[in-house]
Amino acid sequence: MPIAHPVAVKLDPGVHARVRELAKVQQRSAHRLMREAIGQYVEREEQREALRRDALQAWAGYQETGRHVTHAEADGWLARLEGGQDVDPPECHG
């Protein structure tokens, strides 16, 4: 297990009370709850940042090439996938 680094976090008194109460109900320590919450937050924000980077790269690619699929093409493809069909995505055109 990696070495943990202590960090002080100042919480609003109301939030602090809610964390303590939640920890009590769940029979866990407030410390453990806060560690888990921070870990989940960082994971979610890293995923959000990766999605943002991918979207910016896709936009740049579209601006360079003009290649795209229409909304109707994408919607039809997704509907077939949702219906259980194993279909390839529509081809890009420009």
PDB file of N, CA and C in Angstrom:
ATOM      1  N   MET A   1       0.843  -1.176   0.000  1.00  0.00           N
ATOM      2  CA  MET A   1       0.000   0.000   0.000  1.00  0.00           C
ATOM      3  C   MET A   1       0.890   1.241   0.000  1.00  0.00           C
ATOM      4  N   PRO A   2       0.582   2.216  -0.880  1.00  0.00           N
ATOM      5  CA  PRO A   2       1.416   3.419  -0.925  1.00  0.00           C
ATOM      6  C   PRO A   2       1.316   4.217   0.370  1.00  0.00           C
ATOM      7  N   ILE A   3       2.337   4.994   0.601  1.00  0.00           N
ATOM      8  CA  ILE A   3       2.366   5.840   1.794  1.00  0.00           C
ATOM      9  C   ILE A   3       1.374   6.981   1.603  1.00  0.00           C
ATOM     10  N   ALA A   4       0.516   7.188   2.586  1.00  0.00           N
ATOM     11  CA  ALA A   4      -0.460   8.268   2.527  1.00  0.00           C
ATOM     12  C   ALA A   4       0.174   9.551   3.048  1.00  0.00           C
ATOM     13  N   HIS A   5      -0.201  10.665   2.432  1.00  0.00           N
ATOM     14  CA  HIS A   5       0.294  11.965   2.846  1.00  0.00           C
ATOM     15  C   HIS A   5      -0.825  12.718   3.549  1.00  0.00           C
ATOM     16  N   PRO A   6      -0.593  13.157   4.775  1.00  0.00           N
ATOM     17  CA  PRO A   6      -1.650  13.889   5.481  1.00  0.00           C
ATOM     18  C   PRO A   6      -1.895  15.250   4.832  1.00  0.00           C
ATOM     19  N   VAL A   7      -3.175  15.600   4.746  1.00  0.00           N
ATOM     20  CA  VAL A   7      -3.588  16.876   4.172  1.00  0.00           C
ATOM     21  C   VAL A   7      -4.692  17.437   5.064  1.00  0.00           C
ATOM     22  N   ALA A   8      -4.614  18.702   5.367  1.00  0.00           N
ATOM     23  CA  ALA A   8      -5.658  19.338   6.164  1.00  0.00           C
ATOM     24  C   ALA A   8      -6.692  19.946   5.223  1.00  0.00           C
ATOM     25  N   VAL A   9      -7.952  19.686   5.506  1.00  0.00           N
ATOM     26  CA  VAL A   9      -9.044  20.239   4.719  1.00  0.00           C
ATOM     27  C   VAL A   9      -9.990  20.950   5.670  1.00  0.00           C
ATOM     28  N   LYS A  10     -10.248  22.213   5.387  1.00  0.00           N
ATOM     29  CA  LYS A  10     -11.185  22.965   6.219  1.00  0.00           C
ATOM     30  C   LYS A  10     -12.561  22.857   5.597  1.00  0.00           C
ATOM     31  N   LEU A  11     -13.491  22.292   6.361  1.00  0.00           N
ATOM     32  CA  LEU A  11     -14.851  22.109   5.885  1.00  0.00           C
ATOM     33  C   LEU A  11     -15.792  23.105   6.540  1.00  0.00           C
ATOM     34  N   ASP A  12     -16.784  23.495   5.792  1.00  0.00           N
ATOM     35  CA  ASP A  12     -17.874  24.284   6.340  1.00  0.00           C
ATOM     36  C   ASP A  12     -18.490  23.487   7.493  1.00  0.00           C
ATOM     37  N   PRO A  13     -18.840  24.125   8.604  1.00  0.00           N
ATOM     38  CA  PRO A  13     -19.376  23.377   9.749  1.00  0.00           C
ATOM     39  C   PRO A  13     -20.577  22.499   9.408  1.00  0.00           C
ATOM     40  N   GLY A  14     -21.447  22.964   8.527  1.00  0.00           N
ATOM     41  CA  GLY A  14     -22.599  22.154   8.146  1.00  0.00           C
ATOM     42  C   GLY A  14     -22.201  20.895   7.396  1.00  0.00           C
ATOM     43  N   VAL A  15     -21.256  21.035   6.479  1.00  0.00           N
ATOM     44  CA  VAL A  15     -20.773  19.876   5.718  1.00  0.00           C
ATOM     45  C   VAL A  15     -20.066  18.907   6.659  1.00  0.00           C
ATOM     46  N   HIS A  16     -19.270  19.452   7.567  1.00  0.00           N
ATOM     47  CA  HIS A  16     -18.551  18.608   8.516  1.00  0.00           C
ATOM     48  C   HIS A  16     -19.523  17.784   9.368  1.00  0.00           C
ATOM     49  N   ALA A  17     -20.582  18.421   9.826  1.00  0.00           N
ATOM     50  CA  ALA A  17     -21.591  17.719  10.623  1.00  0.00           C
ATOM     51  C   ALA A  17     -22.274  16.635   9.796  1.00  0.00           C
ATOM     52  N   ARG A  18     -22.547  16.923   8.533  1.00  0.00           N
ATOM     53  CA  ARG A  18     -23.188  15.933   7.665  1.00  0.00           C
ATOM     54  C   ARG A  18     -22.273  14.742   7.424  1.00  0.00           C
ATOM     55  N   VAL A  19     -20.983  15.001   7.231  1.00  0.00           N
ATOM     56  CA  VAL A  19     -20.018  13.906   7.046  1.00  0.00           C
ATOM     57  C   VAL A  19     -19.965  13.045   8.301  1.00  0.00           C
ATOM     58  N   ARG A  20     -19.887  13.682   9.460  1.00  0.00           N
ATOM     59  CA  ARG A  20     -19.850  12.923  10.718  1.00  0.00           C
ATOM     60  C   ARG A  20     -21.104  12.070  10.885  1.00  0.00           C
ATOM     61  N   GLU A  21     -22.262  12.635  10.577  1.00  0.00           N
ATOM     62  CA  GLU A  21     -23.520  11.900  10.711  1.00  0.00           C
ATOM     63  C   GLU A  21     -23.578  10.727   9.739  1.00  0.00           C
ATOM     64  N   LEU A  22     -23.178  10.959   8.510  1.00  0.00           N
ATOM     65  CA  LEU A  22     -23.165   9.896   7.512  1.00  0.00           C
ATOM     66  C   LEU A  22     -22.205   8.784   7.920  1.00  0.00           C
ATOM     67  N   ALA A  23     -21.053   9.162   8.425  1.00  0.00           N
ATOM     68  CA  ALA A  23     -20.075   8.170   8.884  1.00  0.00           C
ATOM     69  C   ALA A  23     -20.660   7.337  10.023  1.00  0.00           C
ATOM     70  N   LYS A  24     -21.348   7.987  10.921  1.00  0.00           N
ATOM     71  CA  LYS A  24     -21.966   7.294  12.057  1.00  0.00           C
ATOM     72  C   LYS A  24     -23.009   6.288  11.564  1.00  0.00           C
ATOM     73  N   VAL A  25     -23.871   6.722  10.648  1.00  0.00           N
ATOM     74  CA  VAL A  25     -24.920   5.850  10.111  1.00  0.00           C
ATOM     75  C   VAL A  25     -24.323   4.658   9.375  1.00  0.00           C
ATOM     76  N   GLN A  26     -23.255   4.892   8.656  1.00  0.00           N
ATOM     77  CA  GLN A  26     -22.626   3.829   7.869  1.00  0.00           C
ATOM     78  C   GLN A  26     -21.592   3.036   8.672  1.00  0.00           C
ATOM     79  N   GLN A  27     -21.420   3.413   9.922  1.00  0.00           N
ATOM     80  CA  GLN A  27     -20.464   2.756  10.821  1.00  0.00           C
ATOM     81  C   GLN A  27     -19.059   2.720  10.207  1.00  0.00           C
ATOM     82  N   ARG A  28     -18.674   3.876   9.710  1.00  0.00           N
ATOM     83  CA  ARG A  28     -17.319   4.045   9.164  1.00  0.00           C
ATOM     84  C   ARG A  28     -16.780   5.345   9.721  1.00  0.00           C
ATOM     85  N   SER A  29     -15.501   5.543   9.572  1.00  0.00           N
ATOM     86  CA  SER A  29     -14.924   6.788  10.071  1.00  0.00           C
ATOM     87  C   SER A  29     -15.159   7.910   9.064  1.00  0.00           C
ATOM     88  N   ALA A  30     -15.251   9.129   9.576  1.00  0.00           N
ATOM     89  CA  ALA A  30     -15.384  10.297   8.708  1.00  0.00           C
ATOM     90  C   ALA A  30     -14.157  10.396   7.806  1.00  0.00           C
ATOM     91  N   HIS A  31     -13.017  10.048   8.320  1.00  0.00           N
ATOM     92  CA  HIS A  31     -11.775  10.063   7.555  1.00  0.00           C
ATOM     93  C   HIS A  31     -11.892   9.152   6.331  1.00  0.00           C
ATOM     94  N   ARG A  32     -12.395   7.958   6.556  1.00  0.00           N
ATOM     95  CA  ARG A  32     -12.540   7.007   5.445  1.00  0.00           C
ATOM     96  C   ARG A  32     -13.531   7.526   4.411  1.00  0.00           C
ATOM     97  N   LEU A  33     -14.641   8.089   4.874  1.00  0.00           N
ATOM     98  CA  LEU A  33     -15.623   8.657   3.952  1.00  0.00           C
ATOM     99  C   LEU A  33     -15.005   9.753   3.091  1.00  0.00           C
ATOM    100  N   MET A  34     -14.250  10.639   3.722  1.00  0.00           N
ATOM    101  CA  MET A  34     -13.642  11.749   2.983  1.00  0.00           C
ATOM    102  C   MET A  34     -12.599  11.246   1.992  1.00  0.00           C
ATOM    103  N   ARG A  35     -11.816  10.242   2.386  1.00  0.00           N
ATOM    104  CA  ARG A  35     -10.822   9.675   1.454  1.00  0.00           C
ATOM    105  C   ARG A  35     -11.507   9.077   0.240  1.00  0.00           C
ATOM    106  N   GLU A  36     -12.578   8.320   0.476  1.00  0.00           N
ATOM    107  CA  GLU A  36     -13.311   7.710  -0.632  1.00  0.00           C
ATOM    108  C   GLU A  36     -13.933   8.777  -1.526  1.00  0.00           C
ATOM    109  N   ALA A  37     -14.510   9.794  -0.917  1.00  0.00           N
ATOM    110  CA  ALA A  37     -15.154  10.859  -1.681  1.00  0.00           C
ATOM    111  C   ALA A  37     -14.140  11.594  -2.561  1.00  0.00           C
ATOM    112  N   ILE A  38     -13.009  11.897  -2.012  1.00  0.00           N
ATOM    113  CA  ILE A  38     -11.974  12.597  -2.779  1.00  0.00           C
ATOM    114  C   ILE A  38     -11.470  11.710  -3.910  1.00  0.00           C
ATOM    115  N   GLY A  39     -11.252  10.426  -3.625  1.00  0.00           N
ATOM    116  CA  GLY A  39     -10.811   9.490  -4.659  1.00  0.00           C
ATOM    117  C   GLY A  39     -11.812   9.393  -5.799  1.00  0.00           C
ATOM    118  N   GLN A  40     -13.104   9.310  -5.471  1.00  0.00           N
ATOM    119  CA  GLN A  40     -14.148   9.239  -6.494  1.00  0.00           C
ATOM    120  C   GLN A  40     -14.213  10.532  -7.293  1.00  0.00           C
ATOM    121  N   TYR A  41     -14.058  11.653  -6.616  1.00  0.00           N
ATOM    122  CA  TYR A  41     -14.087  12.948  -7.299  1.00  0.00           C
ATOM    123  C   TYR A  41     -12.938  13.052  -8.306  1.00  0.00           C
ATOM    124  N   VAL A  42     -11.742  12.679  -7.870  1.00  0.00           N
ATOM    125  CA  VAL A  42     -10.576  12.767  -8.761  1.00  0.00           C
ATOM    126  C   VAL A  42     -10.763  11.852  -9.966  1.00  0.00           C
ATOM    127  N   GLU A  43     -11.243  10.641  -9.737  1.00  0.00           N
ATOM    128  CA  GLU A  43     -11.487   9.693 -10.834  1.00  0.00           C
ATOM    129  C   GLU A  43     -12.493  10.283 -11.827  1.00  0.00           C
ATOM    130  N   ARG A  44     -13.601  10.814 -11.321  1.00  0.00           N
ATOM    131  CA  ARG A  44     -14.642  11.387 -12.182  1.00  0.00           C
ATOM    132  C   ARG A  44     -14.100  12.572 -12.978  1.00  0.00           C
ATOM    133  N   GLU A  45     -13.336  13.434 -12.332  1.00  0.00           N
ATOM    134  CA  GLU A  45     -12.818  14.614 -13.021  1.00  0.00           C
ATOM    135  C   GLU A  45     -11.751  14.243 -14.047  1.00  0.00           C
ATOM    136  N   GLU A  46     -10.954  13.204 -13.773  1.00  0.00           N
ATOM    137  CA  GLU A  46      -9.985  12.739 -14.773  1.00  0.00           C
ATOM    138  C   GLU A  46     -10.712  12.204 -16.003  1.00  0.00           C
ATOM    139  N   GLN A  47     -11.798  11.459 -15.787  1.00  0.00           N
ATOM    140  CA  GLN A  47     -12.581  10.954 -16.915  1.00  0.00           C
ATOM    141  C   GLN A  47     -13.215  12.099 -17.697  1.00  0.00           C
ATOM    142  N   ARG A  48     -13.721  13.097 -16.988  1.00  0.00           N
ATOM    143  CA  ARG A  48     -14.314  14.256 -17.641  1.00  0.00           C
ATOM    144  C   ARG A  48     -13.268  14.998 -18.475  1.00  0.00           C
ATOM    145  N   GLU A  49     -12.067  15.142 -17.934  1.00  0.00           N
ATOM    146  CA  GLU A  49     -10.994  15.822 -18.662  1.00  0.00           C
ATOM    147  C   GLU A  49     -10.594  15.030 -19.903  1.00  0.00           C
ATOM    148  N   ALA A  50     -10.529  13.697 -19.792  1.00  0.00           N
ATOM    149  CA  ALA A  50     -10.205  12.863 -20.951  1.00  0.00           C
ATOM    150  C   ALA A  50     -11.278  13.006 -22.027  1.00  0.00           C
ATOM    151  N   LEU A  51     -12.540  13.047 -21.629  1.00  0.00           N
ATOM    152  CA  LEU A  51     -13.633  13.225 -22.584  1.00  0.00           C
ATOM    153  C   LEU A  51     -13.535  14.588 -23.260  1.00  0.00           C
ATOM    154  N   ARG A  52     -13.204  15.619 -22.483  1.00  0.00           N
ATOM    155  CA  ARG A  52     -13.051  16.956 -23.044  1.00  0.00           C
ATOM    156  C   ARG A  52     -11.919  17.000 -24.069  1.00  0.00           C
ATOM    157  N   ARG A  53     -10.778  16.367 -23.718  1.00  0.00           N
ATOM    158  CA  ARG A  53      -9.639  16.316 -24.652  1.00  0.00           C
ATOM    159  C   ARG A  53     -10.026  15.580 -25.933  1.00  0.00           C
ATOM    160  N   ASP A  54     -10.730  14.441 -25.786  1.00  0.00           N
ATOM    161  CA  ASP A  54     -11.155  13.678 -26.961  1.00  0.00           C
ATOM    162  C   ASP A  54     -12.091  14.500 -27.837  1.00  0.00           C
ATOM    163  N   ALA A  55     -13.006  15.240 -27.204  1.00  0.00           N
ATOM    164  CA  ALA A  55     -13.942  16.072 -27.967  1.00  0.00           C
ATOM    165  C   ALA A  55     -13.199  17.174 -28.721  1.00  0.00           C
ATOM    166  N   LEU A  56     -12.217  17.791 -28.068  1.00  0.00           N
ATOM    167  CA  LEU A  56     -11.448  18.842 -28.744  1.00  0.00           C
ATOM    168  C   LEU A  56     -10.638  18.279 -29.909  1.00  0.00           C
ATOM    169  N   GLN A  57     -10.085  17.082 -29.733  1.00  0.00           N
ATOM    170  CA  GLN A  57      -9.343  16.441 -30.822  1.00  0.00           C
ATOM    171  C   GLN A  57     -10.279  16.098 -31.974  1.00  0.00           C
ATOM    172  N   ALA A  58     -11.473  15.593 -31.656  1.00  0.00           N
ATOM    173  CA  ALA A  58     -12.440  15.265 -32.703  1.00  0.00           C
ATOM    174  C   ALA A  58     -12.870  16.526 -33.446  1.00  0.00           C
ATOM    175  N   TRP A  59     -13.085  17.616 -32.721  1.00  0.00           N
ATOM    176  CA  TRP A  59     -13.472  18.877 -33.347  1.00  0.00           C
ATOM    177  C   TRP A  59     -12.368  19.387 -34.266  1.00  0.00           C
ATOM    178  N   ALA A  60     -11.125  19.296 -33.802  1.00  0.00           N
ATOM    179  CA  ALA A  60      -9.994  19.727 -34.630  1.00  0.00           C
ATOM    180  C   ALA A  60      -9.903  18.866 -35.887  1.00  0.00           C
ATOM    181  N   GLY A  61     -10.117  17.570 -35.735  1.00  0.00           N
ATOM    182  CA  GLY A  61     -10.108  16.674 -36.893  1.00  0.00           C
ATOM    183  C   GLY A  61     -11.203  17.020 -37.887  1.00  0.00           C
ATOM    184  N   TYR A  62     -12.383  17.325 -37.373  1.00  0.00           N
ATOM    185  CA  TYR A  62     -13.485  17.723 -38.252  1.00  0.00           C
ATOM    186  C   TYR A  62     -13.157  19.030 -38.973  1.00  0.00           C
ATOM    187  N   GLN A  63     -12.591  19.990 -38.254  1.00  0.00           N
ATOM    188  CA  GLN A  63     -12.253  21.267 -38.879  1.00  0.00           C
ATOM    189  C   GLN A  63     -11.203  21.092 -39.973  1.00  0.00           C
ATOM    190  N   GLU A  64     -10.289  20.138 -39.779  1.00  0.00           N
ATOM    191  CA  GLU A  64      -9.245  19.884 -40.789  1.00  0.00           C
ATOM    192  C   GLU A  64      -9.803  19.189 -42.019  1.00  0.00           C
ATOM    193  N   THR A  65     -10.640  18.180 -41.803  1.00  0.00           N
ATOM    194  CA  THR A  65     -11.049  17.304 -42.904  1.00  0.00           C
ATOM    195  C   THR A  65     -12.489  17.496 -43.353  1.00  0.00           C
ATOM    196  N   GLY A  66     -13.351  17.965 -42.462  1.00  0.00           N
ATOM    197  CA  GLY A  66     -14.766  18.080 -42.787  1.00  0.00           C
ATOM    198  C   GLY A  66     -15.493  16.744 -42.758  1.00  0.00           C
ATOM    199  N   ARG A  67     -14.794  15.668 -42.431  1.00  0.00           N
ATOM    200  CA  ARG A  67     -15.415  14.338 -42.413  1.00  0.00           C
ATOM    201  C   ARG A  67     -16.336  14.221 -41.208  1.00  0.00           C
ATOM    202  N   HIS A  68     -17.529  13.646 -41.461  1.00  0.00           N
ATOM    203  CA  HIS A  68     -18.545  13.574 -40.419  1.00  0.00           C
ATOM    204  C   HIS A  68     -19.587  12.509 -40.750  1.00  0.00           C
ATOM    205  N   VAL A  69     -20.452  12.234 -39.800  1.00  0.00           N
ATOM    206  CA  VAL A  69     -21.689  11.488 -40.040  1.00  0.00           C
ATOM    207  C   VAL A  69     -22.824  12.410 -39.617  1.00  0.00           C
ATOM    208  N   THR A  70     -23.972  12.233 -40.226  1.00  0.00           N
ATOM    209  CA  THR A  70     -25.109  13.076 -39.873  1.00  0.00           C
ATOM    210  C   THR A  70     -25.745  12.575 -38.587  1.00  0.00           C
ATOM    211  N   HIS A  71     -26.574  13.410 -38.017  1.00  0.00           N
ATOM    212  CA  HIS A  71     -27.314  13.022 -36.814  1.00  0.00           C
ATOM    213  C   HIS A  71     -28.185  11.806 -37.105  1.00  0.00           C
ATOM    214  N   ALA A  72     -28.847  11.812 -38.250  1.00  0.00           N
ATOM    215  CA  ALA A  72     -29.725  10.695 -38.613  1.00  0.00           C
ATOM    216  C   ALA A  72     -28.930   9.398 -38.747  1.00  0.00           C
ATOM    217  N   GLU A  73     -27.740   9.474 -39.335  1.00  0.00           N
ATOM    218  CA  GLU A  73     -26.896   8.278 -39.488  1.00  0.00           C
ATOM    219  C   GLU A  73     -26.458   7.748 -38.123  1.00  0.00           C
ATOM    220  N   ALA A  74     -26.005   8.648 -37.268  1.00  0.00           N
ATOM    221  CA  ALA A  74     -25.563   8.232 -35.931  1.00  0.00           C
ATOM    222  C   ALA A  74     -26.738   7.691 -35.125  1.00  0.00           C
ATOM    223  N   ASP A  75     -27.885   8.350 -35.198  1.00  0.00           N
ATOM    224  CA  ASP A  75     -29.065   7.932 -34.456  1.00  0.00           C
ATOM    225  C   ASP A  75     -29.536   6.549 -34.918  1.00  0.00           C
ATOM    226  N   GLY A  76     -29.545   6.328 -36.218  1.00  0.00           N
ATOM    227  CA  GLY A  76     -29.938   5.014 -36.749  1.00  0.00           C
ATOM    228  C   GLY A  76     -28.996   3.920 -36.307  1.00  0.00           C
ATOM    229  N   TRP A  77     -27.703   4.207 -36.337  1.00  0.00           N
ATOM    230  CA  TRP A  77     -26.699   3.228 -35.907  1.00  0.00           C
ATOM    231  C   TRP A  77     -26.889   2.889 -34.434  1.00  0.00           C
ATOM    232  N   LEU A  78     -27.057   3.919 -33.603  1.00  0.00           N
ATOM    233  CA  LEU A  78     -27.246   3.685 -32.165  1.00  0.00           C
ATOM    234  C   LEU A  78     -28.534   2.920 -31.889  1.00  0.00           C
ATOM    235  N   ALA A  79     -29.584   3.189 -32.656  1.00  0.00           N
ATOM    236  CA  ALA A  79     -30.852   2.468 -32.471  1.00  0.00           C
ATOM    237  C   ALA A  79     -30.668   0.986 -32.788  1.00  0.00           C
ATOM    238  N   ARG A  80     -29.908   0.672 -33.845  1.00  0.00           N
ATOM    239  CA  ARG A  80     -29.654  -0.732 -34.174  1.00  0.00           C
ATOM    240  C   ARG A  80     -28.820  -1.408 -33.093  1.00  0.00           C
ATOM    241  N   LEU A  81     -27.829  -0.698 -32.567  1.00  0.00           N
ATOM    242  CA  LEU A  81     -27.037  -1.263 -31.467  1.00  0.00           C
ATOM    243  C   LEU A  81     -27.921  -1.531 -30.261  1.00  0.00           C
ATOM    244  N   GLU A  82     -28.771  -0.566 -29.940  1.00  0.00           N
ATOM    245  CA  GLU A  82     -29.674  -0.708 -28.805  1.00  0.00           C
ATOM    246  C   GLU A  82     -30.630  -1.880 -29.014  1.00  0.00           C
ATOM    247  N   GLY A  83     -30.993  -2.142 -30.269  1.00  0.00           N
ATOM    248  CA  GLY A  83     -31.882  -3.255 -30.599  1.00  0.00           C
ATOM    249  C   GLY A  83     -31.187  -4.601 -30.599  1.00  0.00           C
ATOM    250  N   GLY A  84     -29.887  -4.612 -30.279  1.00  0.00           N
ATOM    251  CA  GLY A  84     -29.158  -5.869 -30.177  1.00  0.00           C
ATOM    252  C   GLY A  84     -28.406  -6.280 -31.429  1.00  0.00           C
ATOM    253  N   GLN A  85     -28.454  -5.463 -32.471  1.00  0.00           N
ATOM    254  CA  GLN A  85     -27.720  -5.784 -33.689  1.00  0.00           C
ATOM    255  C   GLN A  85     -26.254  -5.401 -33.525  1.00  0.00           C
ATOM    256  N   ASP A  86     -25.383  -6.241 -34.051  1.00  0.00           N
ATOM    257  CA  ASP A  86     -23.948  -5.950 -34.023  1.00  0.00           C
ATOM    258  C   ASP A  86     -23.577  -5.338 -35.363  1.00  0.00           C
ATOM    259  N   VAL A  87     -23.675  -4.023 -35.463  1.00  0.00           N
ATOM    260  CA  VAL A  87     -23.452  -3.340 -36.736  1.00  0.00           C
ATOM    261  C   VAL A  87     -22.275  -2.384 -36.631  1.00  0.00           C
ATOM    262  N   ASP A  88     -21.593  -2.216 -37.746  1.00  0.00           N
ATOM    263  CA  ASP A  88     -20.477  -1.271 -37.802  1.00  0.00           C
ATOM    264  C   ASP A  88     -21.013   0.146 -37.809  1.00  0.00           C
ATOM    265  N   PRO A  89     -20.217   1.100 -37.306  1.00  0.00           N
ATOM    266  CA  PRO A  89     -20.664   2.493 -37.341  1.00  0.00           C
ATOM    267  C   PRO A  89     -20.746   2.988 -38.781  1.00  0.00           C
ATOM    268  N   PRO A  90     -21.545   4.018 -39.025  1.00  0.00           N
ATOM    269  CA  PRO A  90     -21.623   4.555 -40.387  1.00  0.00           C
ATOM    270  C   PRO A  90     -20.287   5.153 -40.814  1.00  0.00           C
ATOM    271  N   GLU A  91     -20.046   5.137 -42.108  1.00  0.00           N
ATOM    272  CA  GLU A  91     -18.794   5.685 -42.624  1.00  0.00           C
ATOM    273  C   GLU A  91     -18.872   7.206 -42.654  1.00  0.00           C
ATOM    274  N   CYS A  92     -17.765   7.837 -42.358  1.00  0.00           N
ATOM    275  CA  CYS A  92     -17.683   9.289 -42.416  1.00  0.00           C
ATOM    276  C   CYS A  92     -17.664   9.735 -43.867  1.00  0.00           C
ATOM    277  N   HIS A  93     -18.209  10.889 -44.113  1.00  0.00           N
ATOM    278  CA  HIS A  93     -18.157  11.487 -45.442  1.00  0.00           C
ATOM    279  C   HIS A  93     -17.916  12.981 -45.285  1.00  0.00           C
ATOM    280  N   GLY A  94     -17.533  13.614 -46.353  1.00  0.00           N
ATOM    281  CA  GLY A  94     -17.191  15.021 -46.224  1.00  0.00           C
ATOM    282  C   GLY A  94     -17.571  15.861 -47.366  1.00  0.00           C
TER     283      GLY A  94
END
